[in-house]
Amino acid sequence: MSRFRSAALAVMLASACSPVEVDSIYWSDGDSGRINGVEFRLHGVDAPETGGVGAFGGAECEAERELGYEAKAAVVEYTRGKPIDITRSYGADRYGREVVDLSVDGEDLGSIMISRGAMKRWDYDSGEPKPDWCNSGGSR
């Protein structure tokens, strides 16, 4: 069912000539969640993980997990009650999530969250290492 909804979202985006308005959004963490029931991930950015230290896909350290909850709170608060648009879709990632760019009031959400320190730039497509949230600077 999720793949069908993801495919439907991709078709809708491909046929749209302008940004697609988001009806509902749920944030799982700072950079991913569900849009209109379809799992998504923001493109080109990384937020700290909120999962348990040592768990699959979880935080690397307790400091990252704490930052992850702060990042989620920041993106939830920033997007609450504001118009959100999908400005670009890149297709599904290896986990089946739709990878997208979002804008809030016409501004790129990833750039806004980076400027607020809640996310870091991450060029996943080029194989760049995931940002290191446990130590200052550097990558894993």
Protein backbone atom coordinates (compact mmCIF):
# COMPACT_ATOMS: atom_id res chain seq x y z
CA MET A 1 0.00 0.00 0.00
CA SER A 2 2.81 2.41 0.86
CA ARG A 3 4.50 1.81 -2.51
CA PHE A 4 1.21 2.55 -4.26
CA ARG A 5 0.81 5.84 -2.38
CA SER A 6 4.45 6.72 -3.07
CA ALA A 7 3.95 6.00 -6.77
CA ALA A 8 0.75 8.06 -6.77
CA LEU A 9 2.58 10.98 -5.14
CA ALA A 10 5.40 10.69 -7.69
CA VAL A 11 2.94 10.70 -10.61
CA MET A 12 1.13 13.71 -9.15
CA LEU A 13 4.43 15.57 -8.76
CA ALA A 14 5.65 14.65 -12.24
CA SER A 15 2.46 15.97 -13.82
CA ALA A 16 2.45 19.20 -11.78
CA CYS A 17 3.80 22.35 -13.40
CA SER A 18 4.05 24.15 -10.08
CA PRO A 19 4.65 23.21 -6.43
CA VAL A 20 2.22 20.74 -4.87
CA GLU A 21 0.54 21.88 -1.67
CA VAL A 22 0.84 19.56 1.34
CA ASP A 23 -2.50 18.79 3.03
CA SER A 24 -1.04 17.06 6.09
CA ILE A 25 2.45 16.44 7.43
CA TYR A 26 3.77 14.31 10.28
CA TRP A 27 7.42 14.57 11.33
CA SER A 28 9.04 11.28 12.46
CA ASP A 29 12.23 13.18 13.18
CA GLY A 30 13.90 16.35 11.93
CA ASP A 31 14.23 15.36 8.26
CA SER A 32 11.59 12.73 7.56
CA GLY A 33 7.99 11.73 8.16
CA ARG A 34 4.77 11.38 6.20
CA ILE A 35 3.12 13.77 3.74
CA ASN A 36 -0.53 13.00 3.06
CA GLY A 37 0.22 9.49 4.42
CA VAL A 38 3.28 8.90 2.18
CA GLU A 39 6.69 8.44 3.80
CA PHE A 40 9.21 11.12 2.79
CA ARG A 41 12.72 12.35 3.45
CA LEU A 42 14.11 15.82 2.81
CA HIS A 43 16.74 15.98 0.06
CA GLY A 44 20.27 17.26 0.65
CA VAL A 45 20.10 17.63 4.43
CA ASP A 46 20.56 15.54 7.55
CA ALA A 47 19.09 15.98 11.01
CA PRO A 48 20.40 14.12 14.06
CA GLU A 49 18.80 10.74 14.71
CA THR A 50 16.27 10.26 17.50
CA GLY A 51 16.44 6.46 17.72
CA GLY A 52 18.17 4.72 20.59
CA VAL A 53 21.96 4.67 20.70
CA GLY A 54 23.14 1.48 19.01
CA ALA A 55 19.76 0.68 17.42
CA PHE A 56 19.56 0.19 13.64
CA GLY A 57 19.31 3.70 12.20
CA GLY A 58 19.57 5.18 15.68
CA ALA A 59 21.81 7.86 17.13
CA GLU A 60 25.55 7.26 17.40
CA CYS A 61 25.66 8.83 20.87
CA GLU A 62 23.30 10.26 23.47
CA ALA A 63 24.24 13.82 22.46
CA GLU A 64 23.04 13.12 18.90
CA ARG A 65 19.77 11.69 20.21
CA GLU A 66 19.15 14.82 22.29
CA LEU A 67 19.96 17.03 19.30
CA GLY A 68 17.57 14.88 17.25
CA TYR A 69 14.65 15.65 19.55
CA GLU A 70 15.56 19.36 19.40
CA ALA A 71 15.69 19.22 15.57
CA LYS A 72 12.30 17.50 15.41
CA ALA A 73 10.79 20.10 17.78
CA ALA A 74 12.29 22.91 15.66
CA VAL A 75 10.87 21.63 12.36
CA VAL A 76 7.46 20.83 13.90
CA GLU A 77 7.20 24.30 15.42
CA TYR A 78 8.46 26.05 12.27
CA THR A 79 6.00 24.27 9.95
CA ARG A 80 2.97 24.30 12.27
CA GLY A 81 0.01 26.00 10.61
CA LYS A 82 2.04 27.31 7.66
CA PRO A 83 1.55 26.55 3.97
CA ILE A 84 3.98 23.83 2.87
CA ASP A 85 4.68 22.91 -0.74
CA ILE A 86 6.58 20.05 -2.34
CA THR A 87 8.79 21.91 -4.78
CA ARG A 88 10.65 18.89 -6.18
CA SER A 89 10.63 15.12 -5.90
CA TYR A 90 13.70 13.00 -6.58
CA GLY A 91 11.96 9.61 -6.46
CA ALA A 92 12.18 6.96 -3.78
CA ASP A 93 15.25 6.26 -1.65
CA ARG A 94 16.49 2.77 -0.74
CA TYR A 95 13.89 2.62 2.06
CA GLY A 96 11.00 3.49 -0.27
CA ARG A 97 10.57 7.03 1.06
CA GLU A 98 9.88 9.81 -1.43
CA VAL A 99 12.86 12.21 -1.38
CA VAL A 100 11.63 15.80 -1.69
CA ASP A 101 12.37 19.49 -1.35
CA LEU A 102 9.81 21.38 0.73
CA SER A 103 9.13 25.08 0.96
CA VAL A 104 7.39 26.94 3.77
CA ASP A 105 5.95 30.34 2.87
CA GLY A 106 8.02 30.11 -0.33
CA GLU A 107 11.36 29.52 1.45
CA ASP A 108 13.37 26.27 1.25
CA LEU A 109 12.79 24.36 4.50
CA GLY A 110 16.18 22.61 4.49
CA SER A 111 18.05 25.90 4.15
CA ILE A 112 16.01 27.45 6.94
CA MET A 113 16.70 24.56 9.32
CA ILE A 114 20.41 24.60 8.43
CA SER A 115 20.59 28.31 9.25
CA ARG A 116 18.98 27.54 12.62
CA GLY A 117 21.45 24.73 13.36
CA ALA A 118 18.82 21.95 13.33
CA MET A 119 20.21 20.28 10.17
CA LYS A 120 23.43 20.00 8.19
CA ARG A 121 23.93 19.83 4.43
CA TRP A 122 24.44 16.25 3.25
CA ASP A 123 25.09 15.23 -0.35
CA TYR A 124 23.88 11.65 -0.02
CA ASP A 125 23.78 11.21 -3.80
CA SER A 126 27.54 11.69 -4.15
CA GLY A 127 28.34 9.18 -1.40
CA GLU A 128 29.37 11.87 1.07
CA PRO A 129 29.64 10.50 4.63
CA LYS A 130 26.72 11.25 6.93
CA PRO A 131 27.36 14.30 9.14
CA ASP A 132 28.81 13.62 12.57
CA TRP A 133 26.52 14.90 15.29
CA CYS A 134 28.60 13.46 18.17
CA ASN A 135 31.75 15.52 17.65
CA SER A 136 32.21 19.09 16.49
CA GLY A 137 32.69 19.25 12.72
CA GLY A 138 33.85 16.31 10.62
CA SER A 139 31.92 13.32 9.34
CA ARG A 140 31.51 9.74 10.45
